[in-house]
Amino acid sequence: MSHSRRLTAVAALLAGLSVALGAFGSHALETLVTPQRLDTWDTAVHYQMFHALALLWSGLYLQHYPHRGVLTSALLILAGTLIFSGSLYALVLLDVPALGAITPIGGVILITGWFTLAWHLARRH
């Protein structure tokens, strides 16, 4: 399976999980966590969905225009999403505030992924 097909499959999986986790937060967590923690959960869900769509676009782009820089940026966005959203999910579920210290690492990786994508797209065209 090509990198682009794997990426689009992972993107679809992340998007579907985002919907499921959003529903879980709205229905199952609503009475179990504080409103602040529920907002944290919602932030994780939103970031996951937006970046799943970015990964889907990247995978589709790569099917037509294979480019190592775009693949690199997509992998950075994937890693950043897993770390950013994953740390927020863990923070809410485990109620360990120290996990919040991991979230900015994911954010920096996401920013790096977006800047890498911009750099490579600008150079390509």
PDB file of N, CA and C in Angstrom:
ATOM      1  N   MET A   1       0.846  -1.181   0.000  1.00  0.00           N
ATOM      2  CA  MET A   1       0.000   0.000   0.000  1.00  0.00           C
ATOM      3  C   MET A   1       0.888   1.240   0.000  1.00  0.00           C
ATOM      4  N   SER A   2       0.536   2.225  -0.793  1.00  0.00           N
ATOM      5  CA  SER A   2       1.340   3.438  -0.911  1.00  0.00           C
ATOM      6  C   SER A   2       1.187   4.324   0.324  1.00  0.00           C
ATOM      7  N   HIS A   3       2.138   5.245   0.473  1.00  0.00           N
ATOM      8  CA  HIS A   3       2.075   6.187   1.596  1.00  0.00           C
ATOM      9  C   HIS A   3       0.788   7.006   1.560  1.00  0.00           C
ATOM     10  N   SER A   4       0.387   7.405   0.363  1.00  0.00           N
ATOM     11  CA  SER A   4      -0.807   8.240   0.250  1.00  0.00           C
ATOM     12  C   SER A   4      -2.068   7.477   0.657  1.00  0.00           C
ATOM     13  N   ARG A   5      -2.146   6.208   0.289  1.00  0.00           N
ATOM     14  CA  ARG A   5      -3.329   5.411   0.666  1.00  0.00           C
ATOM     15  C   ARG A   5      -3.347   5.144   2.163  1.00  0.00           C
ATOM     16  N   ARG A   6      -2.184   4.869   2.746  1.00  0.00           N
ATOM     17  CA  ARG A   6      -2.123   4.682   4.200  1.00  0.00           C
ATOM     18  C   ARG A   6      -2.541   5.952   4.925  1.00  0.00           C
ATOM     19  N   LEU A   7      -2.043   7.080   4.419  1.00  0.00           N
ATOM     20  CA  LEU A   7      -2.343   8.360   5.047  1.00  0.00           C
ATOM     21  C   LEU A   7      -3.838   8.671   4.990  1.00  0.00           C
ATOM     22  N   THR A   8      -4.465   8.422   3.843  1.00  0.00           N
ATOM     23  CA  THR A   8      -5.900   8.693   3.749  1.00  0.00           C
ATOM     24  C   THR A   8      -6.691   7.738   4.642  1.00  0.00           C
ATOM     25  N   ALA A   9      -6.248   6.497   4.770  1.00  0.00           N
ATOM     26  CA  ALA A   9      -6.924   5.548   5.665  1.00  0.00           C
ATOM     27  C   ALA A   9      -6.786   5.982   7.125  1.00  0.00           C
ATOM     28  N   VAL A  10      -5.598   6.404   7.509  1.00  0.00           N
ATOM     29  CA  VAL A  10      -5.384   6.887   8.885  1.00  0.00           C
ATOM     30  C   VAL A  10      -6.213   8.146   9.124  1.00  0.00           C
ATOM     31  N   ALA A  11      -6.279   9.015   8.134  1.00  0.00           N
ATOM     32  CA  ALA A  11      -7.067  10.239   8.267  1.00  0.00           C
ATOM     33  C   ALA A  11      -8.545   9.917   8.487  1.00  0.00           C
ATOM     34  N   ALA A  12      -9.059   8.975   7.727  1.00  0.00           N
ATOM     35  CA  ALA A  12     -10.463   8.582   7.888  1.00  0.00           C
ATOM     36  C   ALA A  12     -10.694   7.972   9.269  1.00  0.00           C
ATOM     37  N   LEU A  13      -9.748   7.174   9.724  1.00  0.00           N
ATOM     38  CA  LEU A  13      -9.847   6.592  11.058  1.00  0.00           C
ATOM     39  C   LEU A  13      -9.846   7.681  12.129  1.00  0.00           C
ATOM     40  N   LEU A  14      -8.941   8.638  12.024  1.00  0.00           N
ATOM     41  CA  LEU A  14      -8.894   9.739  12.995  1.00  0.00           C
ATOM     42  C   LEU A  14     -10.184  10.557  12.979  1.00  0.00           C
ATOM     43  N   ALA A  15     -10.733  10.786  11.796  1.00  0.00           N
ATOM     44  CA  ALA A  15     -11.985  11.549  11.698  1.00  0.00           C
ATOM     45  C   ALA A  15     -13.135  10.785  12.346  1.00  0.00           C
ATOM     46  N   GLY A  16     -13.240   9.499  12.057  1.00  0.00           N
ATOM     47  CA  GLY A  16     -14.289   8.689  12.678  1.00  0.00           C
ATOM     48  C   GLY A  16     -14.150   8.626  14.187  1.00  0.00           C
ATOM     49  N   LEU A  17     -12.912   8.466  14.660  1.00  0.00           N
ATOM     50  CA  LEU A  17     -12.677   8.461  16.111  1.00  0.00           C
ATOM     51  C   LEU A  17     -13.024   9.809  16.735  1.00  0.00           C
ATOM     52  N   SER A  18     -12.788  10.862  15.993  1.00  0.00           N
ATOM     53  CA  SER A  18     -13.128  12.191  16.495  1.00  0.00           C
ATOM     54  C   SER A  18     -14.629  12.310  16.740  1.00  0.00           C
ATOM     55  N   VAL A  19     -15.417  11.814  15.818  1.00  0.00           N
ATOM     56  CA  VAL A  19     -16.869  11.833  15.987  1.00  0.00           C
ATOM     57  C   VAL A  19     -17.275  10.980  17.190  1.00  0.00           C
ATOM     58  N   ALA A  20     -16.703   9.785  17.291  1.00  0.00           N
ATOM     59  CA  ALA A  20     -17.027   8.890  18.405  1.00  0.00           C
ATOM     60  C   ALA A  20     -16.598   9.494  19.744  1.00  0.00           C
ATOM     61  N   LEU A  21     -15.410  10.070  19.781  1.00  0.00           N
ATOM     62  CA  LEU A  21     -14.932  10.671  21.029  1.00  0.00           C
ATOM     63  C   LEU A  21     -15.725  11.920  21.387  1.00  0.00           C
ATOM     64  N   GLY A  22     -16.168  12.657  20.380  1.00  0.00           N
ATOM     65  CA  GLY A  22     -17.025  13.810  20.647  1.00  0.00           C
ATOM     66  C   GLY A  22     -18.347  13.383  21.261  1.00  0.00           C
ATOM     67  N   ALA A  23     -18.924  12.332  20.715  1.00  0.00           N
ATOM     68  CA  ALA A  23     -20.179  11.812  21.271  1.00  0.00           C
ATOM     69  C   ALA A  23     -19.970  11.270  22.679  1.00  0.00           C
ATOM     70  N   PHE A  24     -18.855  10.572  22.887  1.00  0.00           N
ATOM     71  CA  PHE A  24     -18.537  10.050  24.218  1.00  0.00           C
ATOM     72  C   PHE A  24     -18.425  11.196  25.225  1.00  0.00           C
ATOM     73  N   GLY A  25     -17.758  12.262  24.817  1.00  0.00           N
ATOM     74  CA  GLY A  25     -17.621  13.418  25.703  1.00  0.00           C
ATOM     75  C   GLY A  25     -18.957  14.058  26.026  1.00  0.00           C
ATOM     76  N   SER A  26     -19.791  14.195  25.011  1.00  0.00           N
ATOM     77  CA  SER A  26     -21.091  14.840  25.212  1.00  0.00           C
ATOM     78  C   SER A  26     -22.050  14.021  26.058  1.00  0.00           C
ATOM     79  N   HIS A  27     -21.975  12.706  25.927  1.00  0.00           N
ATOM     80  CA  HIS A  27     -22.964  11.863  26.599  1.00  0.00           C
ATOM     81  C   HIS A  27     -22.438  11.172  27.847  1.00  0.00           C
ATOM     82  N   ALA A  28     -21.258  10.603  27.772  1.00  0.00           N
ATOM     83  CA  ALA A  28     -20.758   9.815  28.898  1.00  0.00           C
ATOM     84  C   ALA A  28     -19.983  10.651  29.911  1.00  0.00           C
ATOM     85  N   LEU A  29     -19.260  11.647  29.434  1.00  0.00           N
ATOM     86  CA  LEU A  29     -18.417  12.418  30.355  1.00  0.00           C
ATOM     87  C   LEU A  29     -19.127  13.600  30.995  1.00  0.00           C
ATOM     88  N   GLU A  30     -20.232  13.985  30.422  1.00  0.00           N
ATOM     89  CA  GLU A  30     -20.913  15.208  30.858  1.00  0.00           C
ATOM     90  C   GLU A  30     -21.170  15.250  32.361  1.00  0.00           C
ATOM     91  N   THR A  31     -21.521  14.134  32.961  1.00  0.00           N
ATOM     92  CA  THR A  31     -21.818  14.120  34.391  1.00  0.00           C
ATOM     93  C   THR A  31     -20.629  13.638  35.229  1.00  0.00           C
ATOM     94  N   LEU A  32     -19.534  13.236  34.573  1.00  0.00           N
ATOM     95  CA  LEU A  32     -18.400  12.665  35.297  1.00  0.00           C
ATOM     96  C   LEU A  32     -17.234  13.622  35.504  1.00  0.00           C
ATOM     97  N   VAL A  33     -17.159  14.662  34.691  1.00  0.00           N
ATOM     98  CA  VAL A  33     -16.033  15.591  34.787  1.00  0.00           C
ATOM     99  C   VAL A  33     -16.539  17.020  34.914  1.00  0.00           C
ATOM    100  N   THR A  34     -15.652  17.905  35.301  1.00  0.00           N
ATOM    101  CA  THR A  34     -16.014  19.318  35.450  1.00  0.00           C
ATOM    102  C   THR A  34     -16.254  19.940  34.074  1.00  0.00           C
ATOM    103  N   PRO A  35     -16.978  21.051  34.037  1.00  0.00           N
ATOM    104  CA  PRO A  35     -17.165  21.745  32.750  1.00  0.00           C
ATOM    105  C   PRO A  35     -15.829  22.143  32.104  1.00  0.00           C
ATOM    106  N   GLN A  36     -14.842  22.496  32.924  1.00  0.00           N
ATOM    107  CA  GLN A  36     -13.528  22.848  32.383  1.00  0.00           C
ATOM    108  C   GLN A  36     -12.881  21.644  31.702  1.00  0.00           C
ATOM    109  N   ARG A  37     -12.979  20.478  32.324  1.00  0.00           N
ATOM    110  CA  ARG A  37     -12.420  19.269  31.716  1.00  0.00           C
ATOM    111  C   ARG A  37     -13.189  18.892  30.448  1.00  0.00           C
ATOM    112  N   LEU A  38     -14.494  19.131  30.439  1.00  0.00           N
ATOM    113  CA  LEU A  38     -15.284  18.861  29.241  1.00  0.00           C
ATOM    114  C   LEU A  38     -14.856  19.796  28.097  1.00  0.00           C
ATOM    115  N   ASP A  39     -14.548  21.045  28.428  1.00  0.00           N
ATOM    116  CA  ASP A  39     -14.023  21.970  27.414  1.00  0.00           C
ATOM    117  C   ASP A  39     -12.681  21.476  26.871  1.00  0.00           C
ATOM    118  N   THR A  40     -11.852  20.937  27.760  1.00  0.00           N
ATOM    119  CA  THR A  40     -10.569  20.383  27.342  1.00  0.00           C
ATOM    120  C   THR A  40     -10.790  19.228  26.375  1.00  0.00           C
ATOM    121  N   TRP A  41     -11.747  18.366  26.696  1.00  0.00           N
ATOM    122  CA  TRP A  41     -12.086  17.235  25.821  1.00  0.00           C
ATOM    123  C   TRP A  41     -12.538  17.746  24.448  1.00  0.00           C
ATOM    124  N   ASP A  42     -13.395  18.757  24.454  1.00  0.00           N
ATOM    125  CA  ASP A  42     -13.887  19.320  23.196  1.00  0.00           C
ATOM    126  C   ASP A  42     -12.745  19.895  22.358  1.00  0.00           C
ATOM    127  N   THR A  43     -11.784  20.531  23.020  1.00  0.00           N
ATOM    128  CA  THR A  43     -10.622  21.056  22.299  1.00  0.00           C
ATOM    129  C   THR A  43      -9.870  19.922  21.617  1.00  0.00           C
ATOM    130  N   ALA A  44      -9.670  18.836  22.330  1.00  0.00           N
ATOM    131  CA  ALA A  44      -8.972  17.676  21.751  1.00  0.00           C
ATOM    132  C   ALA A  44      -9.725  17.138  20.541  1.00  0.00           C
ATOM    133  N   VAL A  45     -11.047  17.024  20.663  1.00  0.00           N
ATOM    134  CA  VAL A  45     -11.870  16.504  19.567  1.00  0.00           C
ATOM    135  C   VAL A  45     -11.776  17.421  18.348  1.00  0.00           C
ATOM    136  N   HIS A  46     -11.883  18.730  18.566  1.00  0.00           N
ATOM    137  CA  HIS A  46     -11.837  19.674  17.445  1.00  0.00           C
ATOM    138  C   HIS A  46     -10.484  19.630  16.739  1.00  0.00           C
ATOM    139  N   TYR A  47      -9.411  19.667  17.503  1.00  0.00           N
ATOM    140  CA  TYR A  47      -8.087  19.613  16.887  1.00  0.00           C
ATOM    141  C   TYR A  47      -7.892  18.305  16.130  1.00  0.00           C
ATOM    142  N   GLN A  48      -8.377  17.229  16.679  1.00  0.00           N
ATOM    143  CA  GLN A  48      -8.235  15.938  16.005  1.00  0.00           C
ATOM    144  C   GLN A  48      -8.983  15.950  14.674  1.00  0.00           C
ATOM    145  N   MET A  49     -10.202  16.464  14.660  1.00  0.00           N
ATOM    146  CA  MET A  49     -10.982  16.471  13.423  1.00  0.00           C
ATOM    147  C   MET A  49     -10.365  17.391  12.372  1.00  0.00           C
ATOM    148  N   PHE A  50      -9.979  18.597  12.767  1.00  0.00           N
ATOM    149  CA  PHE A  50      -9.384  19.517  11.790  1.00  0.00           C
ATOM    150  C   PHE A  50      -8.125  18.920  11.168  1.00  0.00           C
ATOM    151  N   HIS A  51      -7.331  18.281  11.998  1.00  0.00           N
ATOM    152  CA  HIS A  51      -6.083  17.730  11.482  1.00  0.00           C
ATOM    153  C   HIS A  51      -6.302  16.419  10.728  1.00  0.00           C
ATOM    154  N   ALA A  52      -7.360  15.694  11.056  1.00  0.00           N
ATOM    155  CA  ALA A  52      -7.716  14.519  10.256  1.00  0.00           C
ATOM    156  C   ALA A  52      -8.065  14.966   8.834  1.00  0.00           C
ATOM    157  N   LEU A  53      -8.774  16.072   8.720  1.00  0.00           N
ATOM    158  CA  LEU A  53      -9.114  16.590   7.392  1.00  0.00           C
ATOM    159  C   LEU A  53      -7.869  17.060   6.645  1.00  0.00           C
ATOM    160  N   ALA A  54      -6.934  17.665   7.367  1.00  0.00           N
ATOM    161  CA  ALA A  54      -5.672  18.080   6.745  1.00  0.00           C
ATOM    162  C   ALA A  54      -4.897  16.856   6.247  1.00  0.00           C
ATOM    163  N   LEU A  55      -4.910  15.803   7.038  1.00  0.00           N
ATOM    164  CA  LEU A  55      -4.227  14.571   6.630  1.00  0.00           C
ATOM    165  C   LEU A  55      -4.918  13.928   5.423  1.00  0.00           C
ATOM    166  N   LEU A  56      -6.235  13.983   5.397  1.00  0.00           N
ATOM    167  CA  LEU A  56      -6.979  13.456   4.253  1.00  0.00           C
ATOM    168  C   LEU A  56      -6.586  14.220   2.990  1.00  0.00           C
ATOM    169  N   TRP A  57      -6.554  15.543   3.086  1.00  0.00           N
ATOM    170  CA  TRP A  57      -6.141  16.360   1.952  1.00  0.00           C
ATOM    171  C   TRP A  57      -4.722  15.999   1.526  1.00  0.00           C
ATOM    172  N   SER A  58      -3.823  15.865   2.494  1.00  0.00           N
ATOM    173  CA  SER A  58      -2.430  15.541   2.186  1.00  0.00           C
ATOM    174  C   SER A  58      -2.324  14.199   1.448  1.00  0.00           C
ATOM    175  N   GLY A  59      -3.069  13.218   1.925  1.00  0.00           N
ATOM    176  CA  GLY A  59      -3.043  11.911   1.281  1.00  0.00           C
ATOM    177  C   GLY A  59      -3.556  11.979  -0.147  1.00  0.00           C
ATOM    178  N   LEU A  60      -4.626  12.719  -0.347  1.00  0.00           N
ATOM    179  CA  LEU A  60      -5.171  12.862  -1.701  1.00  0.00           C
ATOM    180  C   LEU A  60      -4.213  13.641  -2.595  1.00  0.00           C
ATOM    181  N   TYR A  61      -3.599  14.665  -2.056  1.00  0.00           N
ATOM    182  CA  TYR A  61      -2.608  15.442  -2.807  1.00  0.00           C
ATOM    183  C   TYR A  61      -1.450  14.545  -3.235  1.00  0.00           C
ATOM    184  N   LEU A  62      -0.982  13.735  -2.297  1.00  0.00           N
ATOM    185  CA  LEU A  62       0.154  12.858  -2.579  1.00  0.00           C
ATOM    186  C   LEU A  62      -0.162  11.809  -3.645  1.00  0.00           C
ATOM    187  N   GLN A  63      -1.429  11.442  -3.791  1.00  0.00           N
ATOM    188  CA  GLN A  63      -1.789  10.480  -4.836  1.00  0.00           C
ATOM    189  C   GLN A  63      -1.516  11.036  -6.223  1.00  0.00           C
ATOM    190  N   HIS A  64      -1.643  12.350  -6.363  1.00  0.00           N
ATOM    191  CA  HIS A  64      -1.472  12.984  -7.667  1.00  0.00           C
ATOM    192  C   HIS A  64      -0.113  13.653  -7.827  1.00  0.00           C
ATOM    193  N   TYR A  65       0.445  14.129  -6.727  1.00  0.00           N
ATOM    194  CA  TYR A  65       1.710  14.846  -6.752  1.00  0.00           C
ATOM    195  C   TYR A  65       2.626  14.310  -5.646  1.00  0.00           C
ATOM    196  N   PRO A  66       3.219  13.158  -5.847  1.00  0.00           N
ATOM    197  CA  PRO A  66       4.092  12.590  -4.813  1.00  0.00           C
ATOM    198  C   PRO A  66       5.242  13.554  -4.500  1.00  0.00           C
ATOM    199  N   HIS A  67       5.390  13.878  -3.250  1.00  0.00           N
ATOM    200  CA  HIS A  67       6.416  14.834  -2.836  1.00  0.00           C
ATOM    201  C   HIS A  67       6.820  14.524  -1.404  1.00  0.00           C
ATOM    202  N   ARG A  68       8.079  14.271  -1.211  1.00  0.00           N
ATOM    203  CA  ARG A  68       8.579  13.885   0.106  1.00  0.00           C
ATOM    204  C   ARG A  68       8.285  14.948   1.173  1.00  0.00           C
ATOM    205  N   GLY A  69       8.376  16.218   0.819  1.00  0.00           N
ATOM    206  CA  GLY A  69       8.124  17.286   1.790  1.00  0.00           C
ATOM    207  C   GLY A  69       6.692  17.290   2.291  1.00  0.00           C
ATOM    208  N   VAL A  70       5.743  17.012   1.407  1.00  0.00           N
ATOM    209  CA  VAL A  70       4.339  16.952   1.815  1.00  0.00           C
ATOM    210  C   VAL A  70       4.119  15.738   2.713  1.00  0.00           C
ATOM    211  N   LEU A  71       4.748  14.630   2.391  1.00  0.00           N
ATOM    212  CA  LEU A  71       4.642  13.455   3.252  1.00  0.00           C
ATOM    213  C   LEU A  71       5.248  13.738   4.626  1.00  0.00           C
ATOM    214  N   THR A  72       6.385  14.391   4.658  1.00  0.00           N
ATOM    215  CA  THR A  72       7.016  14.742   5.937  1.00  0.00           C
ATOM    216  C   THR A  72       6.095  15.628   6.768  1.00  0.00           C
ATOM    217  N   SER A  73       5.505  16.626   6.127  1.00  0.00           N
ATOM    218  CA  SER A  73       4.603  17.525   6.870  1.00  0.00           C
ATOM    219  C   SER A  73       3.392  16.758   7.385  1.00  0.00           C
ATOM    220  N   ALA A  74       2.879  15.829   6.590  1.00  0.00           N
ATOM    221  CA  ALA A  74       1.720  15.039   7.022  1.00  0.00           C
ATOM    222  C   ALA A  74       2.075  14.169   8.227  1.00  0.00           C
ATOM    223  N   LEU A  75       3.269  13.582   8.212  1.00  0.00           N
ATOM    224  CA  LEU A  75       3.679  12.765   9.347  1.00  0.00           C
ATOM    225  C   LEU A  75       3.873  13.608  10.603  1.00  0.00           C
ATOM    226  N   LEU A  76       4.373  14.831  10.436  1.00  0.00           N
ATOM    227  CA  LEU A  76       4.484  15.747  11.580  1.00  0.00           C
ATOM    228  C   LEU A  76       3.092  16.109  12.116  1.00  0.00           C
ATOM    229  N   ILE A  77       2.158  16.380  11.215  1.00  0.00           N
ATOM    230  CA  ILE A  77       0.793  16.707  11.636  1.00  0.00           C
ATOM    231  C   ILE A  77       0.148  15.516  12.339  1.00  0.00           C
ATOM    232  N   LEU A  78       0.381  14.323  11.827  1.00  0.00           N
ATOM    233  CA  LEU A  78      -0.147  13.124  12.484  1.00  0.00           C
ATOM    234  C   LEU A  78       0.434  12.975  13.891  1.00  0.00           C
ATOM    235  N   ALA A  79       1.751  13.079  14.005  1.00  0.00           N
ATOM    236  CA  ALA A  79       2.390  12.944  15.317  1.00  0.00           C
ATOM    237  C   ALA A  79       1.912  14.040  16.274  1.00  0.00           C
ATOM    238  N   GLY A  80       1.829  15.262  15.775  1.00  0.00           N
ATOM    239  CA  GLY A  80       1.369  16.371  16.613  1.00  0.00           C
ATOM    240  C   GLY A  80      -0.056  16.171  17.088  1.00  0.00           C
ATOM    241  N   THR A  81      -0.900  15.666  16.214  1.00  0.00           N
ATOM    242  CA  THR A  81      -2.294  15.408  16.576  1.00  0.00           C
ATOM    243  C   THR A  81      -2.392  14.339  17.657  1.00  0.00           C
ATOM    244  N   LEU A  82      -1.652  13.262  17.470  1.00  0.00           N
ATOM    245  CA  LEU A  82      -1.685  12.185  18.466  1.00  0.00           C
ATOM    246  C   LEU A  82      -1.187  12.666  19.824  1.00  0.00           C
ATOM    247  N   ILE A  83      -0.137  13.465  19.822  1.00  0.00           N
ATOM    248  CA  ILE A  83       0.409  13.959  21.093  1.00  0.00           C
ATOM    249  C   ILE A  83      -0.495  15.033  21.689  1.00  0.00           C
ATOM    250  N   PHE A  84      -0.924  15.996  20.869  1.00  0.00           N
ATOM    251  CA  PHE A  84      -1.751  17.100  21.372  1.00  0.00           C
ATOM    252  C   PHE A  84      -3.091  16.576  21.893  1.00  0.00           C
ATOM    253  N   SER A  85      -3.862  15.964  21.008  1.00  0.00           N
ATOM    254  CA  SER A  85      -5.187  15.493  21.412  1.00  0.00           C
ATOM    255  C   SER A  85      -5.089  14.344  22.414  1.00  0.00           C
ATOM    256  N   GLY A  86      -4.151  13.443  22.173  1.00  0.00           N
ATOM    257  CA  GLY A  86      -3.995  12.309  23.084  1.00  0.00           C
ATOM    258  C   GLY A  86      -3.684  12.733  24.500  1.00  0.00           C
ATOM    259  N   SER A  87      -2.822  13.736  24.665  1.00  0.00           N
ATOM    260  CA  SER A  87      -2.491  14.198  26.015  1.00  0.00           C
ATOM    261  C   SER A  87      -3.701  14.855  26.676  1.00  0.00           C
ATOM    262  N   LEU A  88      -4.513  15.542  25.893  1.00  0.00           N
ATOM    263  CA  LEU A  88      -5.719  16.155  26.462  1.00  0.00           C
ATOM    264  C   LEU A  88      -6.749  15.105  26.854  1.00  0.00           C
ATOM    265  N   TYR A  89      -6.921  14.080  26.015  1.00  0.00           N
ATOM    266  CA  TYR A  89      -7.827  12.985  26.386  1.00  0.00           C
ATOM    267  C   TYR A  89      -7.356  12.322  27.678  1.00  0.00           C
ATOM    268  N   ALA A  90      -6.062  12.061  27.754  1.00  0.00           N
ATOM    269  CA  ALA A  90      -5.507  11.422  28.953  1.00  0.00           C
ATOM    270  C   ALA A  90      -5.674  12.319  30.179  1.00  0.00           C
ATOM    271  N   LEU A  91      -5.467  13.608  29.992  1.00  0.00           N
ATOM    272  CA  LEU A  91      -5.643  14.558  31.096  1.00  0.00           C
ATOM    273  C   LEU A  91      -7.054  14.483  31.663  1.00  0.00           C
ATOM    274  N   VAL A  92      -8.036  14.447  30.784  1.00  0.00           N
ATOM    275  CA  VAL A  92      -9.433  14.406  31.228  1.00  0.00           C
ATOM    276  C   VAL A  92      -9.764  13.053  31.871  1.00  0.00           C
ATOM    277  N   LEU A  93      -9.373  11.977  31.223  1.00  0.00           N
ATOM    278  CA  LEU A  93      -9.745  10.649  31.718  1.00  0.00           C
ATOM    279  C   LEU A  93      -9.009  10.259  32.993  1.00  0.00           C
ATOM    280  N   LEU A  94      -7.753  10.663  33.104  1.00  0.00           N
ATOM    281  CA  LEU A  94      -6.948  10.264  34.252  1.00  0.00           C
ATOM    282  C   LEU A  94      -6.894  11.331  35.340  1.00  0.00           C
ATOM    283  N   ASP A  95      -7.313  12.553  34.999  1.00  0.00           N
ATOM    284  CA  ASP A  95      -7.288  13.690  35.921  1.00  0.00           C
ATOM    285  C   ASP A  95      -5.898  13.877  36.544  1.00  0.00           C
ATOM    286  N   VAL A  96      -4.899  13.849  35.670  1.00  0.00           N
ATOM    287  CA  VAL A  96      -3.515  14.093  36.082  1.00  0.00           C
ATOM    288  C   VAL A  96      -3.064  15.386  35.403  1.00  0.00           C
ATOM    289  N   PRO A  97      -3.107  16.504  36.119  1.00  0.00           N
ATOM    290  CA  PRO A  97      -2.777  17.800  35.506  1.00  0.00           C
ATOM    291  C   PRO A  97      -1.393  17.855  34.854  1.00  0.00           C
ATOM    292  N   ALA A  98      -0.448  17.069  35.334  1.00  0.00           N
ATOM    293  CA  ALA A  98       0.897  17.076  34.752  1.00  0.00           C
ATOM    294  C   ALA A  98       0.883  16.671  33.280  1.00  0.00           C
ATOM    295  N   LEU A  99      -0.124  15.924  32.858  1.00  0.00           N
ATOM    296  CA  LEU A  99      -0.226  15.531  31.450  1.00  0.00           C
ATOM    297  C   LEU A  99      -0.411  16.746  30.542  1.00  0.00           C
ATOM    298  N   GLY A 100      -0.923  17.818  31.100  1.00  0.00           N
ATOM    299  CA  GLY A 100      -1.085  19.043  30.325  1.00  0.00           C
ATOM    300  C   GLY A 100       0.242  19.614  29.849  1.00  0.00           C
ATOM    301  N   ALA A 101       1.328  19.235  30.503  1.00  0.00           N
ATOM    302  CA  ALA A 101       2.653  19.707  30.092  1.00  0.00           C
ATOM    303  C   ALA A 101       3.094  19.083  28.777  1.00  0.00           C
ATOM    304  N   ILE A 102       2.498  17.980  28.394  1.00  0.00           N
ATOM    305  CA  ILE A 102       2.842  17.306  27.140  1.00  0.00           C
ATOM    306  C   ILE A 102       2.157  17.978  25.955  1.00  0.00           C
ATOM    307  N   THR A 103       1.001  18.552  26.194  1.00  0.00           N
ATOM    308  CA  THR A 103       0.185  19.128  25.122  1.00  0.00           C
ATOM    309  C   THR A 103       0.943  20.143  24.267  1.00  0.00           C
ATOM    310  N   PRO A 104       1.694  21.083  24.853  1.00  0.00           N
ATOM    311  CA  PRO A 104       2.411  22.042  24.002  1.00  0.00           C
ATOM    312  C   PRO A 104       3.439  21.404  23.074  1.00  0.00           C
ATOM    313  N   ILE A 105       3.978  20.258  23.456  1.00  0.00           N
ATOM    314  CA  ILE A 105       4.906  19.557  22.558  1.00  0.00           C
ATOM    315  C   ILE A 105       4.158  19.163  21.284  1.00  0.00           C
ATOM    316  N   GLY A 106       2.961  18.618  21.448  1.00  0.00           N
ATOM    317  CA  GLY A 106       2.134  18.291  20.292  1.00  0.00           C
ATOM    318  C   GLY A 106       1.817  19.523  19.468  1.00  0.00           C
ATOM    319  N   GLY A 107       1.543  20.633  20.151  1.00  0.00           N
ATOM    320  CA  GLY A 107       1.249  21.883  19.451  1.00  0.00           C
ATOM    321  C   GLY A 107       2.424  22.367  18.615  1.00  0.00           C
ATOM    322  N   VAL A 108       3.619  22.287  19.164  1.00  0.00           N
ATOM    323  CA  VAL A 108       4.817  22.699  18.421  1.00  0.00           C
ATOM    324  C   VAL A 108       5.026  21.791  17.213  1.00  0.00           C
ATOM    325  N   ILE A 109       4.776  20.504  17.383  1.00  0.00           N
ATOM    326  CA  ILE A 109       4.922  19.580  16.248  1.00  0.00           C
ATOM    327  C   ILE A 109       3.872  19.894  15.176  1.00  0.00           C
ATOM    328  N   LEU A 110       2.648  20.218  15.590  1.00  0.00           N
ATOM    329  CA  LEU A 110       1.616  20.614  14.619  1.00  0.00           C
ATOM    330  C   LEU A 110       2.038  21.858  13.851  1.00  0.00           C
ATOM    331  N   ILE A 111       2.515  22.861  14.559  1.00  0.00           N
ATOM    332  CA  ILE A 111       2.960  24.099  13.906  1.00  0.00           C
ATOM    333  C   ILE A 111       4.088  23.800  12.928  1.00  0.00           C
ATOM    334  N   THR A 112       5.021  22.965  13.340  1.00  0.00           N
ATOM    335  CA  THR A 112       6.133  22.579  12.463  1.00  0.00           C
ATOM    336  C   THR A 112       5.611  21.879  11.213  1.00  0.00           C
ATOM    337  N   GLY A 113       4.627  21.003  11.394  1.00  0.00           N
ATOM    338  CA  GLY A 113       4.035  20.322  10.251  1.00  0.00           C
ATOM    339  C   GLY A 113       3.394  21.277   9.269  1.00  0.00           C
ATOM    340  N   TRP A 114       2.645  22.250   9.784  1.00  0.00           N
ATOM    341  CA  TRP A 114       1.996  23.231   8.909  1.00  0.00           C
ATOM    342  C   TRP A 114       3.020  24.106   8.195  1.00  0.00           C
ATOM    343  N   PHE A 115       4.051  24.554   8.921  1.00  0.00           N
ATOM    344  CA  PHE A 115       5.080  25.382   8.284  1.00  0.00           C
ATOM    345  C   PHE A 115       5.868  24.578   7.251  1.00  0.00           C
ATOM    346  N   THR A 116       6.101  23.313   7.543  1.00  0.00           N
ATOM    347  CA  THR A 116       6.787  22.443   6.584  1.00  0.00           C
ATOM    348  C   THR A 116       5.944  22.279   5.322  1.00  0.00           C
ATOM    349  N   LEU A 117       4.646  22.096   5.504  1.00  0.00           N
ATOM    350  CA  LEU A 117       3.752  21.983   4.350  1.00  0.00           C
ATOM    351  C   LEU A 117       3.785  23.267   3.526  1.00  0.00           C
ATOM    352  N   ALA A 118       3.682  24.401   4.177  1.00  0.00           N
ATOM    353  CA  ALA A 118       3.705  25.683   3.461  1.00  0.00           C
ATOM    354  C   ALA A 118       5.016  25.851   2.697  1.00  0.00           C
ATOM    355  N   TRP A 119       6.116  25.529   3.326  1.00  0.00           N
ATOM    356  CA  TRP A 119       7.434  25.646   2.693  1.00  0.00           C
ATOM    357  C   TRP A 119       7.523  24.781   1.437  1.00  0.00           C
ATOM    358  N   HIS A 120       7.121  23.534   1.560  1.00  0.00           N
ATOM    359  CA  HIS A 120       7.246  22.623   0.422  1.00  0.00           C
ATOM    360  C   HIS A 120       6.252  22.933  -0.691  1.00  0.00           C
ATOM    361  N   LEU A 121       5.065  23.374  -0.340  1.00  0.00           N
ATOM    362  CA  LEU A 121       4.109  23.745  -1.393  1.00  0.00           C
ATOM    363  C   LEU A 121       4.570  25.001  -2.122  1.00  0.00           C
ATOM    364  N   ALA A 122       5.114  25.959  -1.382  1.00  0.00           N
ATOM    365  CA  ALA A 122       5.607  27.182  -2.013  1.00  0.00           C
ATOM    366  C   ALA A 122       6.796  26.887  -2.928  1.00  0.00           C
ATOM    367  N   ARG A 123       7.662  26.002  -2.520  1.00  0.00           N
ATOM    368  CA  ARG A 123       8.827  25.635  -3.328  1.00  0.00           C
ATOM    369  C   ARG A 123       8.422  24.835  -4.555  1.00  0.00           C
ATOM    370  N   ARG A 124       7.396  24.031  -4.404  1.00  0.00           N
ATOM    371  CA  ARG A 124       6.982  23.153  -5.498  1.00  0.00           C
ATOM    372  C   ARG A 124       6.362  23.958  -6.644  1.00  0.00           C
ATOM    373  N   HIS A 125       5.655  25.014  -6.305  1.00  0.00           N
ATOM    374  CA  HIS A 125       4.948  25.783  -7.332  1.00  0.00           C
ATOM    375  C   HIS A 125       5.732  27.040  -7.605  1.00  0.00           C
TER     376      HIS A 125
END
